[in-house]
Each structure stands twice: as structure tokens, then as C-alpha cells.
Amino acid sequence: MSGKRIFKIDGISYAVIEEHSVEVSCVERYRNGTVIVPEVVENEGAVYRVTKIGYSAFSVCDKVTSVTLPKSVNVIDEAAFKLCSSLVSVNIPEGVKVIGYEAFWGCEKLKSLFIPDSVVEVKPRSLWFCRSLETLSIPKHLLGEEYPKMFPKRSNNRSVQCRWMDSLKQCLVRLPSGEIEEFDVN
């Protein structure tokens, strides 16, 4: 983050990444409960849109249970929520295009996740060790190259084998037509 101007508001550090755009760069580790990331922040008279959850921004925030992200976010970076062991829910808003490598790795209490249609890339290991994940809803277009990388294993048939995610009961695939297809989960 060298060269980026950083400022803090309410226990969240923001790094300026473009003239009117910031990323969440760090969340104080003592935070607990729900964290609501604002769509817009102001610092020294300048107004910035929050467009990215940066590298390891929430990493090891082990008392945060819920995170609400604004519609302005378009990237969830590498390890953004890694080892948030108490995280039960996080909304991924429509508009997010990329979910980074190991973004939710080790979020042991995450119960369900809705990946919006706007996501075009889910990096490898993004959901590894999400031991409580019961329902995953993903758009059909992610079933190509990116989808198998989300999980440690995938068989050649339509059955998803989710080692380290033994609790996964339902994988809902949203088709372009609006229909929902359910994957067999072993």
C-alpha cells in the first residue's frame, strides 16, 4: 500500500486508489457484531466512493458476525475475509465483479452465500474451510472454468464434492432464464 493515502473513520481504514475512489484497507480487529461499510466516505473535504474491499481488510476479525457491503463495491480482494471465524453472513451486492483468492477462506460459521450475477470471476480457494456453509447460490456462468476452483474437488459429473465443506446441503445454480437448478452435493 505504499504511496496510497490512508485515513480512518469509525475503526475502518480506507486507502485512496483513484481520485474519487477508496478501498477498505483494514478493519480494527476488536470490532464485533455487524459492520456496515458505507457507500461513500468523506475525508478532508473530499468525497470518495468505496469500490473495493482490499487485501486482508477483514482478515482475522474473529468477532465480526455480519458484514453489509455497499452497492458501490466491485471487487472483493484476496483474503478479504480470511479467518473471520465468527462471520455468519455477508451480502455480496450486485455489481461485484471479482471475488479474490481465498476471500472467505476459514469463515467457519458462514451459513449461506449468494453470489450475484455480476460476478465474472471467483478466484481459487475462495470458499475453502467454510465448514458451516449450507447453501451456496451462484450464477450459471460461473460453472465454467472458475467454478471448480472455488472448491477443493469437483467430479466429472454434475456432483460437487466439497471436502472441507461437509455441511453444504444445497448448491443453487441460477440460470440466465431465471430458473434455479440444484446441484447434487456429496
C-alpha atoms as a PDB file:
ATOM      1  CA  MET A   1       0.000   0.000   0.000  1.00  0.00           C
ATOM      2  CA  SER A   2       2.957   2.309  -0.265  1.00  0.00           C
ATOM      3  CA  GLY A   3       2.093   5.598  -1.884  1.00  0.00           C
ATOM      4  CA  LYS A   4      -1.619   5.349  -1.077  1.00  0.00           C
ATOM      5  CA  ARG A   5      -3.150   7.975   1.151  1.00  0.00           C
ATOM      6  CA  ILE A   6      -4.873   6.258   4.077  1.00  0.00           C
ATOM      7  CA  PHE A   7      -7.425   7.630   6.518  1.00  0.00           C
ATOM      8  CA  LYS A   8      -9.588   6.071   9.227  1.00  0.00           C
ATOM      9  CA  ILE A   9     -13.266   6.559  10.024  1.00  0.00           C
ATOM     10  CA  ASP A  10     -15.090   4.626  12.763  1.00  0.00           C
ATOM     11  CA  GLY A  11     -12.445   1.912  13.031  1.00  0.00           C
ATOM     12  CA  ILE A  12     -12.232   1.283   9.280  1.00  0.00           C
ATOM     13  CA  SER A  13      -9.142   2.358   7.344  1.00  0.00           C
ATOM     14  CA  TYR A  14      -9.595   3.487   3.753  1.00  0.00           C
ATOM     15  CA  ALA A  15      -6.887   3.793   1.102  1.00  0.00           C
ATOM     16  CA  VAL A  16      -7.357   6.157  -1.814  1.00  0.00           C
ATOM     17  CA  ILE A  17      -6.991   4.107  -5.014  1.00  0.00           C
ATOM     18  CA  GLU A  18      -8.271   6.640  -7.553  1.00  0.00           C
ATOM     19  CA  GLU A  19      -9.196  10.301  -7.450  1.00  0.00           C
ATOM     20  CA  HIS A  20     -12.680   9.697  -6.016  1.00  0.00           C
ATOM     21  CA  SER A  21     -12.429   6.032  -5.042  1.00  0.00           C
ATOM     22  CA  VAL A  22     -11.219   4.169  -1.945  1.00  0.00           C
ATOM     23  CA  GLU A  23     -10.798   0.617  -0.777  1.00  0.00           C
ATOM     24  CA  VAL A  24     -11.403  -0.700   2.705  1.00  0.00           C
ATOM     25  CA  SER A  25      -7.804  -1.461   3.646  1.00  0.00           C
ATOM     26  CA  CYS A  26      -8.162  -2.542   7.271  1.00  0.00           C
ATOM     27  CA  VAL A  27     -10.840  -3.081   9.877  1.00  0.00           C
ATOM     28  CA  GLU A  28      -9.818  -2.882  13.525  1.00  0.00           C
ATOM     29  CA  ARG A  29      -9.596  -6.411  14.891  1.00  0.00           C
ATOM     30  CA  TYR A  30     -11.555  -5.618  18.058  1.00  0.00           C
ATOM     31  CA  ARG A  31     -14.730  -4.874  16.041  1.00  0.00           C
ATOM     32  CA  ASN A  32     -17.606  -7.184  16.844  1.00  0.00           C
ATOM     33  CA  GLY A  33     -21.122  -7.816  15.662  1.00  0.00           C
ATOM     34  CA  THR A  34     -22.278  -6.198  12.443  1.00  0.00           C
ATOM     35  CA  VAL A  35     -20.070  -3.990  10.299  1.00  0.00           C
ATOM     36  CA  ILE A  36     -21.782  -1.782   7.738  1.00  0.00           C
ATOM     37  CA  VAL A  37     -19.410  -0.453   5.097  1.00  0.00           C
ATOM     38  CA  PRO A  38     -20.694   2.886   3.778  1.00  0.00           C
ATOM     39  CA  GLU A  39     -21.062   3.573   0.058  1.00  0.00           C
ATOM     40  CA  VAL A  40     -19.451   6.993   0.405  1.00  0.00           C
ATOM     41  CA  VAL A  41     -16.908   8.394   2.851  1.00  0.00           C
ATOM     42  CA  GLU A  42     -15.629  11.930   3.280  1.00  0.00           C
ATOM     43  CA  ASN A  43     -12.150  12.997   4.325  1.00  0.00           C
ATOM     44  CA  GLU A  44     -10.621  16.466   4.354  1.00  0.00           C
ATOM     45  CA  GLY A  45     -13.436  17.847   2.205  1.00  0.00           C
ATOM     46  CA  ALA A  46     -13.137  15.153  -0.473  1.00  0.00           C
ATOM     47  CA  VAL A  47     -15.883  12.588  -1.110  1.00  0.00           C
ATOM     48  CA  TYR A  48     -14.913   9.040  -2.067  1.00  0.00           C
ATOM     49  CA  ARG A  49     -16.900   6.010  -3.230  1.00  0.00           C
ATOM     50  CA  VAL A  50     -15.990   2.705  -1.593  1.00  0.00           C
ATOM     51  CA  THR A  51     -15.309   0.431  -4.583  1.00  0.00           C
ATOM     52  CA  LYS A  52     -13.144  -2.345  -3.192  1.00  0.00           C
ATOM     53  CA  ILE A  53     -12.677  -4.497  -0.121  1.00  0.00           C
ATOM     54  CA  GLY A  54      -8.891  -4.660  -0.070  1.00  0.00           C
ATOM     55  CA  TYR A  55      -6.358  -7.394   0.561  1.00  0.00           C
ATOM     56  CA  SER A  56      -6.952  -8.926   4.023  1.00  0.00           C
ATOM     57  CA  ALA A  57      -9.157  -5.981   5.021  1.00  0.00           C
ATOM     58  CA  PHE A  58     -11.321  -8.003   7.437  1.00  0.00           C
ATOM     59  CA  SER A  59      -8.845 -10.823   7.886  1.00  0.00           C
ATOM     60  CA  VAL A  60      -8.854 -12.330  11.392  1.00  0.00           C
ATOM     61  CA  CYS A  61     -11.729 -10.100  12.574  1.00  0.00           C
ATOM     62  CA  ASP A  62     -12.875 -13.040  14.652  1.00  0.00           C
ATOM     63  CA  LYS A  63     -15.713 -11.248  16.454  1.00  0.00           C
ATOM     64  CA  VAL A  64     -17.452  -9.807  13.373  1.00  0.00           C
ATOM     65  CA  THR A  65     -20.646 -11.767  12.714  1.00  0.00           C
ATOM     66  CA  SER A  66     -22.171  -9.893   9.785  1.00  0.00           C
ATOM     67  CA  VAL A  67     -20.936  -7.528   7.081  1.00  0.00           C
ATOM     68  CA  THR A  68     -23.057  -5.328   4.854  1.00  0.00           C
ATOM     69  CA  LEU A  69     -21.296  -4.098   1.732  1.00  0.00           C
ATOM     70  CA  PRO A  70     -22.478  -1.138  -0.351  1.00  0.00           C
ATOM     71  CA  LYS A  71     -23.646  -1.357  -3.979  1.00  0.00           C
ATOM     72  CA  SER A  72     -20.542   0.614  -4.993  1.00  0.00           C
ATOM     73  CA  VAL A  73     -18.153  -2.293  -4.256  1.00  0.00           C
ATOM     74  CA  ASN A  74     -16.973  -4.094  -7.395  1.00  0.00           C
ATOM     75  CA  VAL A  75     -14.004  -6.120  -6.064  1.00  0.00           C
ATOM     76  CA  ILE A  76     -13.591  -8.327  -3.008  1.00  0.00           C
ATOM     77  CA  ASP A  77      -9.834  -8.765  -2.954  1.00  0.00           C
ATOM     78  CA  GLU A  78      -7.601 -11.646  -1.957  1.00  0.00           C
ATOM     79  CA  ALA A  79      -8.091 -12.904   1.622  1.00  0.00           C
ATOM     80  CA  ALA A  80     -10.543 -10.054   2.300  1.00  0.00           C
ATOM     81  CA  PHE A  81     -12.467 -12.039   4.930  1.00  0.00           C
ATOM     82  CA  LYS A  82      -9.933 -14.793   5.587  1.00  0.00           C
ATOM     83  CA  LEU A  83     -10.255 -16.392   9.028  1.00  0.00           C
ATOM     84  CA  CYS A  84     -13.276 -14.347  10.087  1.00  0.00           C
ATOM     85  CA  SER A  85     -14.212 -17.308  12.235  1.00  0.00           C
ATOM     86  CA  SER A  86     -17.459 -15.791  13.597  1.00  0.00           C
ATOM     87  CA  LEU A  87     -18.777 -14.430  10.279  1.00  0.00           C
ATOM     88  CA  VAL A  88     -22.279 -15.838   9.742  1.00  0.00           C
ATOM     89  CA  SER A  89     -23.446 -13.593   6.900  1.00  0.00           C
ATOM     90  CA  VAL A  90     -22.102 -11.213   4.299  1.00  0.00           C
ATOM     91  CA  ASN A  91     -24.014  -9.666   1.453  1.00  0.00           C
ATOM     92  CA  ILE A  92     -22.229  -9.561  -1.872  1.00  0.00           C
ATOM     93  CA  PRO A  93     -24.005  -6.789  -3.765  1.00  0.00           C
ATOM     94  CA  GLU A  94     -24.885  -6.851  -7.445  1.00  0.00           C
ATOM     95  CA  GLY A  95     -22.020  -5.003  -9.106  1.00  0.00           C
ATOM     96  CA  VAL A  96     -19.202  -7.056  -7.582  1.00  0.00           C
ATOM     97  CA  LYS A  97     -17.218  -8.490 -10.486  1.00  0.00           C
ATOM     98  CA  VAL A  98     -14.356 -10.337  -8.781  1.00  0.00           C
ATOM     99  CA  ILE A  99     -14.078 -12.429  -5.621  1.00  0.00           C
ATOM    100  CA  GLY A 100     -10.409 -12.843  -4.804  1.00  0.00           C
ATOM    101  CA  TYR A 101      -8.211 -15.787  -3.970  1.00  0.00           C
ATOM    102  CA  GLU A 102      -9.057 -17.179  -0.502  1.00  0.00           C
ATOM    103  CA  ALA A 103     -11.544 -14.324   0.027  1.00  0.00           C
ATOM    104  CA  PHE A 104     -13.664 -16.270   2.539  1.00  0.00           C
ATOM    105  CA  TRP A 105     -11.122 -18.938   3.484  1.00  0.00           C
ATOM    106  CA  GLY A 106     -11.718 -20.218   7.005  1.00  0.00           C
ATOM    107  CA  CYS A 107     -15.031 -18.412   7.601  1.00  0.00           C
ATOM    108  CA  GLU A 108     -16.147 -21.371   9.671  1.00  0.00           C
ATOM    109  CA  LYS A 109     -19.584 -20.072  10.660  1.00  0.00           C
ATOM    110  CA  LEU A 110     -20.686 -18.702   7.266  1.00  0.00           C
ATOM    111  CA  LYS A 111     -24.034 -20.436   6.662  1.00  0.00           C
ATOM    112  CA  SER A 112     -25.110 -19.275   3.219  1.00  0.00           C
ATOM    113  CA  LEU A 113     -23.700 -17.220   0.397  1.00  0.00           C
ATOM    114  CA  PHE A 114     -25.404 -15.587  -2.566  1.00  0.00           C
ATOM    115  CA  ILE A 115     -23.004 -14.763  -5.394  1.00  0.00           C
ATOM    116  CA  PRO A 116     -24.679 -12.206  -7.676  1.00  0.00           C
ATOM    117  CA  ASP A 117     -24.925 -12.441 -11.459  1.00  0.00           C
ATOM    118  CA  SER A 118     -22.447  -9.575 -11.859  1.00  0.00           C
ATOM    119  CA  VAL A 119     -19.552 -11.745 -10.619  1.00  0.00           C
ATOM    120  CA  VAL A 120     -17.423 -12.835 -13.579  1.00  0.00           C
ATOM    121  CA  GLU A 121     -14.504 -14.317 -11.693  1.00  0.00           C
ATOM    122  CA  VAL A 122     -14.176 -16.282  -8.478  1.00  0.00           C
ATOM    123  CA  LYS A 123     -10.534 -16.935  -7.703  1.00  0.00           C
ATOM    124  CA  PRO A 124      -9.326 -20.313  -6.384  1.00  0.00           C
ATOM    125  CA  ARG A 125      -9.850 -21.345  -2.764  1.00  0.00           C
ATOM    126  CA  SER A 126     -12.359 -18.573  -2.162  1.00  0.00           C
ATOM    127  CA  LEU A 127     -14.600 -20.804  -0.011  1.00  0.00           C
ATOM    128  CA  TRP A 128     -12.188 -23.342   1.428  1.00  0.00           C
ATOM    129  CA  PHE A 129     -12.751 -24.285   5.075  1.00  0.00           C
ATOM    130  CA  CYS A 130     -16.205 -22.693   5.202  1.00  0.00           C
ATOM    131  CA  ARG A 131     -17.278 -25.598   7.376  1.00  0.00           C
ATOM    132  CA  SER A 132     -20.807 -24.365   8.161  1.00  0.00           C
ATOM    133  CA  LEU A 133     -21.788 -23.327   4.631  1.00  0.00           C
ATOM    134  CA  GLU A 134     -25.134 -24.974   3.933  1.00  0.00           C
ATOM    135  CA  THR A 135     -26.410 -23.073   0.910  1.00  0.00           C
ATOM    136  CA  LEU A 136     -24.478 -21.588  -1.978  1.00  0.00           C
ATOM    137  CA  SER A 137     -26.321 -19.701  -4.705  1.00  0.00           C
ATOM    138  CA  ILE A 138     -24.269 -18.989  -7.816  1.00  0.00           C
ATOM    139  CA  PRO A 139     -24.955 -17.808 -11.368  1.00  0.00           C
ATOM    140  CA  LYS A 140     -24.729 -20.416 -14.137  1.00  0.00           C
ATOM    141  CA  HIS A 141     -21.923 -18.594 -15.963  1.00  0.00           C
ATOM    142  CA  LEU A 142     -19.553 -19.424 -13.091  1.00  0.00           C
ATOM    143  CA  LEU A 143     -19.868 -23.131 -13.738  1.00  0.00           C
ATOM    144  CA  GLY A 144     -17.175 -22.902 -16.401  1.00  0.00           C
ATOM    145  CA  GLU A 145     -13.508 -22.596 -15.565  1.00  0.00           C
ATOM    146  CA  GLU A 146     -13.884 -20.634 -12.335  1.00  0.00           C
ATOM    147  CA  TYR A 147     -16.459 -22.733 -10.517  1.00  0.00           C
ATOM    148  CA  PRO A 148     -14.345 -25.830  -9.815  1.00  0.00           C
ATOM    149  CA  LYS A 149     -11.568 -23.662  -8.393  1.00  0.00           C
ATOM    150  CA  MET A 150     -13.878 -22.463  -5.628  1.00  0.00           C
ATOM    151  CA  PHE A 151     -13.834 -25.920  -4.110  1.00  0.00           C
ATOM    152  CA  PRO A 152     -11.046 -28.365  -3.336  1.00  0.00           C
ATOM    153  CA  LYS A 153     -12.543 -31.068  -5.567  1.00  0.00           C
ATOM    154  CA  ARG A 154     -15.093 -31.426  -8.317  1.00  0.00           C
ATOM    155  CA  SER A 155     -16.022 -34.620 -10.036  1.00  0.00           C
ATOM    156  CA  ASN A 156     -16.513 -35.005 -13.785  1.00  0.00           C
ATOM    157  CA  ASN A 157     -20.244 -35.401 -13.403  1.00  0.00           C
ATOM    158  CA  ARG A 158     -22.613 -32.781 -12.012  1.00  0.00           C
ATOM    159  CA  SER A 159     -21.970 -33.691  -8.403  1.00  0.00           C
ATOM    160  CA  VAL A 160     -19.907 -31.231  -6.414  1.00  0.00           C
ATOM    161  CA  GLN A 161     -17.608 -32.877  -3.893  1.00  0.00           C
ATOM    162  CA  CYS A 162     -16.871 -30.288  -1.252  1.00  0.00           C
ATOM    163  CA  ARG A 163     -14.189 -31.633   1.024  1.00  0.00           C
ATOM    164  CA  TRP A 164     -13.714 -29.265   3.990  1.00  0.00           C
ATOM    165  CA  MET A 165     -17.288 -28.047   3.463  1.00  0.00           C
ATOM    166  CA  ASP A 166     -19.120 -31.089   4.800  1.00  0.00           C
ATOM    167  CA  SER A 167     -22.112 -29.024   5.842  1.00  0.00           C
ATOM    168  CA  LEU A 168     -23.016 -27.879   2.287  1.00  0.00           C
ATOM    169  CA  LYS A 169     -26.520 -29.183   1.657  1.00  0.00           C
ATOM    170  CA  GLN A 170     -27.674 -27.139  -1.274  1.00  0.00           C
ATOM    171  CA  CYS A 171     -25.956 -25.554  -4.251  1.00  0.00           C
ATOM    172  CA  LEU A 172     -28.421 -23.455  -6.223  1.00  0.00           C
ATOM    173  CA  VAL A 173     -27.421 -22.520  -9.755  1.00  0.00           C
ATOM    174  CA  ARG A 174     -29.256 -19.539 -11.213  1.00  0.00           C
ATOM    175  CA  LEU A 175     -29.800 -19.929 -14.956  1.00  0.00           C
ATOM    176  CA  PRO A 176     -29.973 -16.945 -17.346  1.00  0.00           C
ATOM    177  CA  SER A 177     -33.681 -17.699 -17.814  1.00  0.00           C
ATOM    178  CA  GLY A 178     -34.251 -17.053 -14.120  1.00  0.00           C
ATOM    179  CA  GLU A 179     -34.803 -20.724 -13.352  1.00  0.00           C
ATOM    180  CA  ILE A 180     -32.930 -22.332 -10.474  1.00  0.00           C
ATOM    181  CA  GLU A 181     -31.156 -25.647 -10.837  1.00  0.00           C
ATOM    182  CA  GLU A 182     -29.973 -27.576  -7.811  1.00  0.00           C
ATOM    183  CA  PHE A 183     -26.636 -29.382  -7.822  1.00  0.00           C
ATOM    184  CA  ASP A 184     -26.214 -32.677  -6.064  1.00  0.00           C
ATOM    185  CA  VAL A 185     -23.869 -32.106  -3.153  1.00  0.00           C
ATOM    186  CA  ASN A 186     -21.912 -35.011  -1.743  1.00  0.00           C
END
